[in-house]
Amino acid sequence: MSVNSADRPVLLDVVLVKGGRTKTAYPAELLADDGTRVTVRAPWAGDGVRDFGFVRFEPGDVFTEYYWRDRWYAVKEVRTATGTLKGHYCDITRPAELSGNRLVVEDLDLDLWVPADGTDVRRLDEDEFEASGLASTDPGAAAAAVAALDELDALARGGGLGTLLA
């Protein structure tokens, strides 16, 4: 599907599933869909401010989100309301599924934060991933998730995350 900017914006519902239940859902504007990668834009969908200590997501922040149908991750570019890049929040997920106006992704707990300056790359929630039991219930998915985190981490530390999103 090609998205023409002269057309009325196409809205999708992004649905993040975790443990078989909907964790969050929010509307997003479809920017592009090349059949493999779906790109959407949405304002921060959380309630109020979420302070992680190393970054704050807050009302006014804009997320440009990249989802793949053939990769085990999603990358979210986070900018302030004025357009300043905060960084990239990477979710390890099963490949995305787009059906009608619903983009569904299953969160596999692992995350990566890459600040705008590329320093202090952080692997997140490895304890949650371990506690999820995915390695026992679905070893193939667990291996794919760990490989995806390793791939993104290597790209981020090598300065290549931007090329992934081009």
Protein backbone atom coordinates (compact mmCIF):
# COMPACT_ATOMS: atom_id res chain seq x y z
CA MET A 1 0.00 0.00 0.00
CA SER A 2 1.38 3.35 -0.97
CA VAL A 3 0.40 6.35 1.10
CA ASN A 4 -0.13 9.60 -0.78
CA SER A 5 0.23 12.72 1.38
CA ALA A 6 -2.44 14.51 -0.66
CA ASP A 7 -4.97 11.92 0.47
CA ARG A 8 -6.76 12.10 3.77
CA PRO A 9 -4.57 10.49 6.46
CA VAL A 10 -5.13 6.78 6.98
CA LEU A 11 -5.50 5.89 10.64
CA LEU A 12 -4.63 2.53 12.12
CA ASP A 13 -5.11 1.14 15.59
CA VAL A 14 -1.77 -0.04 16.92
CA VAL A 15 -2.43 -2.89 19.34
CA LEU A 16 0.35 -4.08 21.63
CA VAL A 17 -0.33 -7.54 23.05
CA LYS A 18 1.55 -9.02 25.98
CA GLY A 19 0.89 -12.39 27.54
CA GLY A 20 -2.15 -12.93 25.34
CA ARG A 21 -3.86 -9.70 26.47
CA THR A 22 -4.00 -6.22 25.03
CA LYS A 23 -1.45 -4.11 26.90
CA THR A 24 -2.25 -0.90 25.06
CA ALA A 25 -3.97 0.31 21.89
CA TYR A 26 -3.83 3.71 20.27
CA PRO A 27 -4.57 5.41 16.95
CA ALA A 28 -1.67 6.21 14.63
CA GLU A 29 -1.35 7.77 11.21
CA LEU A 30 -0.11 5.39 8.54
CA LEU A 31 2.90 6.96 6.84
CA ALA A 32 4.07 4.06 4.68
CA ASP A 33 3.60 0.36 4.01
CA ASP A 34 5.92 -1.30 1.52
CA GLY A 35 4.59 -4.80 2.17
CA THR A 36 7.38 -5.61 4.63
CA ARG A 37 7.72 -2.52 6.83
CA VAL A 38 4.83 -0.46 8.18
CA THR A 39 5.58 3.06 9.41
CA VAL A 40 3.16 5.02 11.58
CA ARG A 41 3.23 8.24 13.60
CA ALA A 42 1.44 8.84 16.86
CA PRO A 43 1.61 11.12 19.85
CA TRP A 44 2.74 9.64 23.20
CA ALA A 45 -0.14 7.36 24.12
CA GLY A 46 0.60 7.05 27.83
CA ASP A 47 -1.16 8.79 30.65
CA GLY A 48 0.96 11.70 31.80
CA VAL A 49 4.74 11.40 32.10
CA ARG A 50 6.66 8.11 32.15
CA ASP A 51 10.08 8.70 33.65
CA PHE A 52 12.53 5.85 33.13
CA GLY A 53 15.38 7.76 34.77
CA PHE A 54 17.37 7.90 31.53
CA VAL A 55 14.52 9.31 29.40
CA ARG A 56 11.06 10.79 29.96
CA PHE A 57 8.11 10.16 27.67
CA GLU A 58 5.57 12.91 28.09
CA PRO A 59 2.55 14.56 26.52
CA GLY A 60 3.58 16.26 23.29
CA ASP A 61 6.21 13.65 22.40
CA VAL A 62 5.80 12.22 18.90
CA PHE A 63 6.66 8.63 18.03
CA THR A 64 7.46 7.55 14.48
CA GLU A 65 7.19 3.78 14.70
CA TYR A 66 8.64 1.18 12.35
CA TYR A 67 7.19 -2.33 12.34
CA TRP A 68 8.30 -5.27 10.23
CA ARG A 69 6.32 -8.28 9.09
CA ASP A 70 9.52 -10.34 8.83
CA ARG A 71 11.59 -9.16 11.82
CA TRP A 72 11.30 -9.70 15.53
CA TYR A 73 11.39 -6.06 16.57
CA ALA A 74 9.85 -2.61 16.25
CA VAL A 75 11.82 0.65 16.42
CA LYS A 76 10.22 3.84 17.70
CA GLU A 77 11.87 7.18 17.02
CA VAL A 78 10.96 9.53 19.88
CA ARG A 79 10.92 13.31 19.43
CA THR A 80 9.80 16.19 21.61
CA ALA A 81 6.87 18.35 20.55
CA THR A 82 9.40 20.77 19.02
CA GLY A 83 11.05 18.02 16.97
CA THR A 84 14.19 17.40 19.02
CA LEU A 85 15.25 13.76 18.85
CA LYS A 86 15.24 12.06 22.26
CA GLY A 87 16.28 8.67 20.91
CA HIS A 88 14.99 5.30 19.75
CA TYR A 89 13.01 2.85 21.85
CA CYS A 90 13.26 -0.63 20.40
CA ASP A 91 10.71 -3.29 21.31
CA ILE A 92 11.46 -6.95 20.76
CA THR A 93 8.25 -8.39 19.32
CA ARG A 94 6.96 -11.12 17.11
CA PRO A 95 6.64 -9.94 13.49
CA ALA A 96 3.82 -7.41 13.11
CA GLU A 97 0.48 -8.31 11.58
CA LEU A 98 -1.62 -5.75 9.72
CA SER A 99 -5.24 -6.71 9.17
CA GLY A 100 -7.66 -4.05 8.01
CA ASN A 101 -6.97 -1.02 10.16
CA ARG A 102 -5.35 -2.97 13.05
CA LEU A 103 -1.60 -3.33 13.40
CA VAL A 104 -1.00 -6.00 16.03
CA VAL A 105 2.34 -6.69 17.69
CA GLU A 106 3.15 -9.10 20.49
CA ASP A 107 5.62 -7.69 23.01
CA LEU A 108 8.26 -10.21 24.10
CA ASP A 109 9.52 -8.13 27.07
CA LEU A 110 13.02 -7.31 25.82
CA ASP A 111 13.74 -3.68 24.92
CA LEU A 112 16.63 -1.46 23.91
CA TRP A 113 17.01 2.29 24.44
CA VAL A 114 19.33 4.27 22.18
CA PRO A 115 19.66 7.95 23.16
CA ALA A 116 19.93 10.62 20.46
CA ASP A 117 23.69 10.97 20.97
CA GLY A 118 24.20 7.20 20.67
CA THR A 119 25.92 6.90 24.05
CA ASP A 120 24.67 4.81 26.96
CA VAL A 121 22.77 2.22 24.89
CA ARG A 122 20.67 0.23 27.36
CA ARG A 123 19.31 -3.30 27.20
CA LEU A 124 16.08 -3.37 29.20
CA ASP A 125 13.78 -5.88 30.86
CA GLU A 126 15.98 -8.93 30.49
CA ASP A 127 14.73 -10.04 33.91
CA GLU A 128 11.10 -9.80 32.73
CA PHE A 129 11.97 -11.82 29.65
CA GLU A 130 13.58 -14.53 31.77
CA ALA A 131 10.58 -14.57 34.13
CA SER A 132 8.13 -14.85 31.22
CA GLY A 133 9.12 -18.48 30.68
CA LEU A 134 9.18 -18.05 26.90
CA ALA A 135 12.42 -20.03 26.69
CA SER A 136 10.50 -23.07 28.00
CA THR A 137 7.14 -22.55 26.30
CA ASP A 138 8.42 -21.42 22.90
CA PRO A 139 12.20 -21.91 22.58
CA GLY A 140 12.22 -20.86 18.93
CA ALA A 141 10.54 -17.53 19.71
CA ALA A 142 12.84 -16.97 22.68
CA ALA A 143 15.92 -17.57 20.51
CA ALA A 144 14.56 -15.21 17.83
CA ALA A 145 13.89 -12.55 20.48
CA VAL A 146 17.42 -12.75 21.90
CA ALA A 147 18.91 -12.67 18.39
CA ALA A 148 16.81 -9.59 17.55
CA LEU A 149 17.99 -7.79 20.69
CA ASP A 150 21.61 -8.67 19.89
CA GLU A 151 21.16 -7.43 16.29
CA LEU A 152 19.69 -4.08 17.36
CA ASP A 153 22.29 -3.65 20.10
CA ALA A 154 25.12 -4.24 17.61
CA LEU A 155 23.55 -1.83 15.10
CA ALA A 156 23.09 0.84 17.77
CA ARG A 157 26.62 0.54 19.11
CA GLY A 158 27.97 0.56 15.55
CA GLY A 159 26.05 3.73 14.66
CA GLY A 160 23.90 1.90 12.09
CA LEU A 161 20.42 2.19 13.60
CA GLY A 162 19.63 5.14 11.31
CA THR A 163 20.34 3.10 8.20
CA LEU A 164 17.77 0.54 9.37
CA LEU A 165 15.10 3.26 9.33
CA ALA A 166 16.04 4.94 6.04
